Protein backbone atom coordinates (compact mmCIF):
# COMPACT_ATOMS: atom_id res chain seq x y z
CA MET A 1 -5.74 -12.42 -2.34
CA SER A 2 -3.74 -9.77 -0.49
CA ILE A 3 -4.92 -6.54 1.07
CA GLY A 4 -1.77 -5.53 2.87
CA GLN A 5 -1.87 -4.04 6.35
CA HIS A 6 -5.23 -2.27 6.17
CA LYS A 7 -8.45 -2.74 8.09
CA ILE A 8 -11.15 -4.84 6.50
CA GLY A 9 -14.05 -3.53 8.59
CA SER A 10 -14.72 -6.72 10.50
CA GLY A 11 -17.51 -5.24 12.59
CA PHE A 12 -15.69 -6.23 15.76
CA GLY A 13 -13.43 -4.11 17.92
CA ALA A 14 -11.44 -3.70 21.12
CA ALA A 15 -14.45 -4.50 23.32
CA SER A 16 -15.41 -7.68 21.46
CA THR A 17 -15.06 -10.94 23.38
CA ALA A 18 -13.90 -14.34 22.21
CA ASP A 19 -17.44 -15.70 22.45
CA GLU A 20 -18.78 -12.83 20.36
CA VAL A 21 -16.36 -13.39 17.48
CA LEU A 22 -17.20 -17.11 17.58
CA ALA A 23 -20.94 -16.58 17.39
CA GLY A 24 -22.36 -18.80 14.65
CA ILE A 25 -19.07 -20.67 14.12
CA ASP A 26 -19.24 -24.42 14.74
CA LEU A 27 -15.89 -26.01 15.57
CA THR A 28 -17.24 -29.49 16.20
CA GLY A 29 -14.69 -32.05 15.05
CA LYS A 30 -11.85 -29.50 14.95
CA LEU A 31 -8.67 -29.92 16.96
CA ALA A 32 -6.79 -26.93 18.33
CA ILE A 33 -3.47 -26.69 20.13
CA VAL A 34 -3.18 -23.65 22.41
CA THR A 35 0.16 -23.10 24.13
CA GLY A 36 -0.36 -21.28 27.39
CA GLY A 37 -3.98 -22.35 27.20
CA TYR A 38 -4.37 -22.61 30.95
CA SER A 39 -3.60 -19.05 32.07
CA GLY A 40 -4.66 -15.51 31.21
CA ILE A 41 -5.90 -14.96 27.69
CA GLY A 42 -4.79 -18.49 26.77
CA LEU A 43 -7.26 -19.91 29.28
CA GLU A 44 -10.07 -17.75 27.90
CA THR A 45 -9.11 -18.90 24.40
CA THR A 46 -9.37 -22.54 25.46
CA ARG A 47 -12.74 -21.96 27.08
CA ALA A 48 -14.15 -20.16 24.05
CA LEU A 49 -12.92 -22.77 21.55
CA THR A 50 -14.38 -25.64 23.58
CA ARG A 51 -17.72 -23.83 23.87
CA ALA A 52 -17.73 -23.64 20.06
CA GLY A 53 -17.18 -27.41 19.88
CA ALA A 54 -13.43 -27.75 19.39
CA HIS A 55 -11.21 -30.29 21.13
CA VAL A 56 -8.26 -28.39 22.62
CA VAL A 57 -4.84 -29.74 23.48
CA VAL A 58 -3.04 -27.58 26.03
CA PRO A 59 0.73 -28.12 26.30
CA ALA A 60 1.83 -26.89 29.72
CA ARG A 61 5.11 -26.24 31.49
CA ARG A 62 3.28 -26.37 34.82
CA ARG A 63 1.25 -29.53 34.37
CA SER A 64 -0.40 -29.53 37.80
CA THR A 65 -1.34 -25.86 37.46
CA ALA A 66 -2.89 -26.55 34.06
CA ASP A 67 -4.82 -29.55 35.34
CA GLU A 68 -6.26 -27.43 38.14
CA ALA A 69 -7.14 -24.47 35.89
CA LEU A 70 -8.84 -26.68 33.31
CA ALA A 71 -10.58 -29.04 35.72
CA GLY A 72 -14.20 -29.59 34.79
CA LEU A 73 -13.77 -28.22 31.27
CA SER A 74 -14.81 -30.83 28.73
CA GLY A 75 -13.04 -31.29 25.42
CA VAL A 76 -9.58 -30.48 26.78
CA GLU A 77 -6.45 -32.53 27.30
CA VAL A 78 -3.18 -31.46 28.89
CA ASP A 79 0.36 -32.56 28.04
CA GLU A 80 3.78 -31.40 29.16
CA LEU A 81 5.81 -28.82 27.25
CA ASP A 82 8.53 -26.37 28.21
CA LEU A 83 9.09 -24.03 25.27
CA ALA A 84 12.49 -23.00 26.64
CA ASP A 85 13.69 -26.62 26.37
CA GLN A 86 14.13 -27.91 22.82
CA ASP A 87 14.14 -31.52 24.05
CA SER A 88 10.77 -30.91 25.68
CA VAL A 89 9.45 -29.43 22.42
CA ARG A 90 10.64 -32.51 20.55
CA GLY A 91 9.07 -34.82 23.11
CA PHE A 92 5.66 -33.17 22.96
CA ALA A 93 5.65 -33.16 19.16
CA GLU A 94 6.63 -36.81 18.97
CA ARG A 95 3.88 -37.82 21.41
CA PHE A 96 1.28 -35.85 19.49
CA LEU A 97 2.36 -37.13 16.08
CA ALA A 98 2.29 -40.72 17.34
CA GLY A 99 -1.47 -40.39 17.83
CA GLY A 100 -2.08 -39.80 14.13
CA ARG A 101 -4.36 -36.81 14.67
CA THR A 102 -4.42 -33.63 12.60
CA ILE A 103 -4.37 -30.00 13.72
CA ASP A 104 -6.90 -27.47 12.45
CA ILE A 105 -5.92 -24.56 14.69
CA MET A 106 -2.54 -23.79 16.23
CA ILE A 107 -2.41 -20.82 18.61
CA ASP A 108 1.02 -19.93 19.96
CA SER A 109 -0.14 -17.97 23.01
CA ALA A 110 2.38 -18.87 25.71
CA GLY A 111 5.18 -16.51 26.59
CA ILE A 112 7.26 -14.72 29.17
CA MET A 113 7.60 -10.97 29.51
CA ALA A 114 10.27 -8.59 30.77
CA CYS A 115 12.12 -11.16 32.84
CA PRO A 116 15.56 -10.55 34.35
CA GLU A 117 18.40 -11.60 32.08
CA THR A 118 18.15 -15.38 31.87
CA ARG A 119 19.96 -17.91 29.69
CA VAL A 120 18.43 -21.20 28.54
CA GLY A 121 19.59 -24.06 26.35
CA PRO A 122 22.94 -23.27 24.74
CA GLY A 123 23.00 -19.78 26.26
CA TRP A 124 20.02 -18.31 24.41
CA GLU A 125 18.29 -15.22 25.80
CA ALA A 126 15.18 -16.58 27.50
CA GLN A 127 12.50 -14.37 25.95
CA PHE A 128 13.71 -14.94 22.39
CA ALA A 129 14.20 -18.64 23.13
CA THR A 130 10.81 -19.20 24.75
CA ASN A 131 8.51 -16.85 22.87
CA HIS A 132 10.02 -17.37 19.43
CA LEU A 133 12.42 -20.29 19.08
CA GLY A 134 10.26 -22.65 21.14
CA HIS A 135 7.22 -21.93 19.00
CA PHE A 136 9.27 -22.00 15.80
CA ALA A 137 10.49 -25.51 16.59
CA LEU A 138 7.08 -26.65 17.82
CA VAL A 139 5.24 -25.64 14.65
CA ASN A 140 7.93 -27.09 12.42
CA ARG A 141 7.95 -30.39 14.32
CA LEU A 142 4.15 -30.58 14.24
CA TRP A 143 3.99 -29.64 10.55
CA PRO A 144 3.18 -33.20 9.37
CA ALA A 145 -0.05 -33.00 11.41
CA ILE A 146 -1.12 -29.49 10.42
CA GLU A 147 -4.13 -29.98 8.20
CA PRO A 148 -3.67 -28.76 4.61
CA GLY A 149 -6.52 -26.86 3.01
CA GLY A 150 -7.76 -24.78 5.91
CA ALA A 151 -5.58 -24.91 9.02
CA ARG A 152 -4.44 -21.67 10.62
CA VAL A 153 -1.37 -20.93 12.72
CA VAL A 154 -1.74 -17.92 15.00
CA SER A 155 1.30 -16.28 16.58
CA VAL A 156 0.54 -14.04 19.56
CA SER A 157 2.79 -11.02 19.24
CA SER A 158 2.29 -7.69 21.01
CA ARG A 159 2.32 -3.96 20.53
CA ALA A 160 5.60 -4.24 22.44
CA HIS A 161 7.19 -5.16 19.10
CA HIS A 162 7.48 -1.38 18.71
CA TYR A 163 10.30 -1.47 21.28
CA SER A 164 12.74 -3.33 19.06
CA GLY A 165 13.26 -4.91 15.69
CA ILE A 166 15.57 -7.93 15.39
CA ARG A 167 19.03 -7.03 16.71
CA TRP A 168 20.90 -8.87 13.99
CA ASP A 169 24.29 -8.02 15.50
CA ASP A 170 23.32 -9.35 18.94
CA VAL A 171 20.12 -11.41 18.82
CA GLN A 172 20.94 -13.14 22.12
CA TRP A 173 21.57 -9.87 24.01
CA ARG A 174 25.14 -10.63 25.04
CA GLN A 175 25.65 -6.93 25.64
CA GLY A 176 23.46 -4.25 27.16
CA TYR A 177 20.50 -6.43 28.15
CA ASP A 178 17.24 -4.50 28.46
CA LYS A 179 14.28 -6.62 29.54
CA TRP A 180 11.67 -4.58 27.69
CA HIS A 181 13.64 -4.25 24.46
CA ALA A 182 14.40 -7.98 24.59
CA TYR A 183 10.69 -8.64 24.97
CA GLY A 184 10.06 -6.32 22.03
CA GLN A 185 12.52 -8.24 19.85
CA ALA A 186 10.80 -11.52 20.75
CA LYS A 187 7.41 -10.07 19.81
CA THR A 188 8.80 -8.79 16.50
CA ALA A 189 10.07 -12.32 15.92
CA ASN A 190 6.56 -13.69 16.53
CA ALA A 191 5.20 -11.42 13.80
CA LEU A 192 7.99 -12.19 11.33
CA PHE A 193 7.48 -15.91 11.93
CA ALA A 194 3.88 -15.59 10.74
CA VAL A 195 4.96 -13.61 7.68
CA HIS A 196 7.35 -16.27 6.44
CA LEU A 197 5.32 -19.30 7.52
CA ASP A 198 2.40 -17.94 5.52
CA ARG A 199 4.65 -17.49 2.50
CA LEU A 200 5.83 -21.11 2.76
CA ALA A 201 2.49 -22.71 3.62
CA ALA A 202 -0.15 -20.75 1.70
CA ASP A 203 0.03 -22.98 -1.36
CA ARG A 204 -1.03 -25.88 0.90
CA GLY A 205 -3.99 -23.93 2.19
CA VAL A 206 -2.42 -23.24 5.59
CA ARG A 207 -2.46 -19.58 6.61
CA ALA A 208 -0.61 -17.78 9.40
CA PHE A 209 -1.35 -14.58 11.31
CA SER A 210 0.18 -12.62 14.17
CA LEU A 211 -1.54 -10.19 16.49
CA HIS A 212 -1.56 -7.78 19.39
CA PRO A 213 -4.15 -9.01 21.91
CA GLY A 214 -4.38 -5.71 23.79
CA GLY A 215 -3.32 -4.55 27.22
CA ILE A 216 -4.50 -7.04 29.83
CA LEU A 217 -3.36 -7.69 33.40
CA THR A 218 -2.66 -11.42 33.49
CA PRO A 219 -0.03 -13.73 35.05
CA LEU A 220 2.24 -12.64 32.16
CA GLN A 221 3.28 -9.83 34.52
CA ARG A 222 4.71 -12.33 37.03
CA HIS A 223 8.33 -11.33 36.36
CA LEU A 224 7.72 -7.64 37.05
CA PRO A 225 8.71 -6.34 40.48
CA ARG A 226 5.79 -5.25 42.62
CA GLU A 227 7.33 -1.77 42.84
CA GLU A 228 7.36 -1.45 39.05
CA MET A 229 3.68 -2.40 38.75
CA ILE A 230 2.79 0.10 41.48
CA ALA A 231 4.84 2.80 39.72
CA ASN A 232 3.03 2.02 36.47
CA GLY A 233 -0.28 2.42 38.28
CA TRP A 234 -1.34 -1.16 37.54
CA ILE A 235 -1.78 -2.20 41.19
CA ASP A 236 -2.12 -0.37 44.49
CA GLU A 237 0.06 -0.75 47.58
CA GLU A 238 -2.03 -3.73 48.72
CA GLY A 239 -1.58 -5.49 45.37
CA ASN A 240 -5.11 -4.86 44.14
CA GLU A 241 -5.57 -4.35 40.41
CA ILE A 242 -6.32 -0.76 39.38
CA PRO A 243 -8.66 -0.46 36.37
CA GLN A 244 -6.71 0.90 33.42
CA PRO A 245 -8.22 3.04 30.65
CA GLY A 246 -7.97 1.05 27.46
CA PHE A 247 -7.08 -2.24 29.15
CA LYS A 248 -9.11 -5.29 28.21
CA THR A 249 -10.63 -8.10 30.19
CA PRO A 250 -9.13 -11.55 29.51
CA GLU A 251 -12.30 -12.39 27.53
CA GLN A 252 -11.68 -9.36 25.32
CA GLY A 253 -7.95 -10.05 25.18
CA ALA A 254 -8.58 -13.55 23.80
CA ALA A 255 -10.88 -12.28 21.05
CA THR A 256 -8.32 -11.29 18.41
CA GLN A 257 -6.48 -14.62 18.48
CA VAL A 258 -9.75 -16.53 18.36
CA TRP A 259 -10.90 -14.34 15.47
CA ALA A 260 -7.58 -14.94 13.68
CA ALA A 261 -7.94 -18.70 14.12
CA THR A 262 -11.54 -19.06 12.99
CA SER A 263 -13.05 -16.09 11.19
CA PRO A 264 -14.31 -16.60 7.63
CA GLN A 265 -13.61 -12.90 7.12
CA LEU A 266 -9.92 -13.81 6.83
CA ALA A 267 -10.44 -16.45 4.15
CA GLY A 268 -7.81 -16.06 1.43
CA LEU A 269 -5.66 -13.81 3.59
CA GLY A 270 -2.50 -14.51 5.56
CA GLY A 271 0.78 -13.21 6.87
CA LEU A 272 -0.96 -10.22 8.41
CA TYR A 273 -0.63 -8.59 11.82
CA LEU A 274 -3.97 -8.05 13.55
CA GLU A 275 -5.29 -6.02 16.47
CA ASP A 276 -8.73 -5.39 17.96
CA CYS A 277 -10.27 -8.13 15.80
CA ASP A 278 -9.27 -6.52 12.52
CA VAL A 279 -6.19 -6.15 10.34
CA ALA A 280 -3.85 -3.54 11.83
CA GLU A 281 -2.82 -0.43 9.96
CA PRO A 282 0.86 0.44 9.48
CA ALA A 283 2.35 2.29 12.46
CA PRO A 284 2.28 6.07 12.01
CA ALA A 285 5.50 7.94 11.36
CA ASP A 286 5.08 10.08 14.49
CA GLY A 287 6.10 7.19 16.71
CA GLU A 288 2.72 6.60 18.33
CA ARG A 289 2.63 2.99 19.50
CA VAL A 290 -0.32 1.78 17.44
CA GLY A 291 -0.51 -0.42 14.37
CA VAL A 292 2.40 -2.48 13.13
CA LYS A 293 5.99 -1.41 12.52
CA ASP A 294 7.44 -2.15 9.11
CA TRP A 295 10.26 -4.18 10.69
CA ALA A 296 7.66 -6.71 11.87
CA THR A 297 6.17 -7.29 8.42
CA ASP A 298 9.28 -7.12 6.20
CA PRO A 299 9.42 -10.33 4.13
CA GLU A 300 13.21 -10.15 3.75
CA GLN A 301 13.75 -9.92 7.50
CA ALA A 302 11.16 -12.68 7.97
CA ALA A 303 13.12 -14.99 5.65
CA ARG A 304 16.39 -14.09 7.38
CA LEU A 305 14.89 -14.83 10.81
CA TRP A 306 13.51 -18.15 9.58
CA ALA A 307 16.94 -19.19 8.35
CA LEU A 308 18.56 -18.17 11.64
CA SER A 309 15.89 -19.97 13.68
CA ALA A 310 16.29 -23.14 11.64
CA GLU A 311 20.05 -22.99 12.16
CA LEU A 312 19.70 -22.50 15.92
CA THR A 313 17.03 -25.17 16.49
CA GLY A 314 18.10 -27.63 13.81
CA VAL A 315 14.49 -27.86 12.60
CA ASP A 316 12.97 -26.76 9.29
CA ALA A 317 9.94 -28.59 7.93
CA PHE A 318 10.32 -26.85 4.60
CA ALA A 319 14.02 -27.49 3.97
CA GLY A 320 14.81 -29.10 0.67
């Protein structure tokens, strides 16, 4: 079944919380992996999934920080993972696979935003490498454990994908680095990853989605200079958060990814970009930054990005 990028009338919206979209859903016996599941909307996602009965594995670059944030929360385990380091991705996947467990929910929530120009691995641009290539390799390496016949893979994109499609002539930003456009490209890549993964995995009953969680002030802003956040009106001179019209709480920000991962309303669907706990509409032609741009849902670009990502990481669970 396919509906394209059009709302389905879920009954939820921008103000819905993760607990509200999980009401009546029992995740007892289900295992979820949530990258970034110890900070911001990732932490709220972990909390909500455990309250619904799921066991949640949280891979963390900052292990001690994760242990502290998740202390006292039952049904959670923490392991080490640095998405910017392909050896670290391999190590986490190998440790998980050695346990023989299966994955019912995979939420790729971790990321970095608008950082100064940074190179990782073999000179990759850090936002593309961390937000996209790290998750690409992680999902492909964990593929043997992803449960056929019902598992979902959720890729947390952003409305920032409107800033940039994939810069095919300079994916790694060797020239003219712009931190926000580089972030936009990485978020477009997150959406395209879901498009092609769903195409490859749907016949095994595994579906993939991407989403915009909403505007939320979280530690994701840690790379932004204080002066920039003051200029944007996000914080005052003392560093206090200023309430923003249209911004969400972390509980509301976690809702769309939790809905994507669990809602029976999405049964039979996949490869779609979501926002405000519903399927997003196509972006309007007037340039207003709502909905989803066509460059983030194009199946040809999704296939091209998959091939490039497999070449760069040396991983492709579907090759051959």
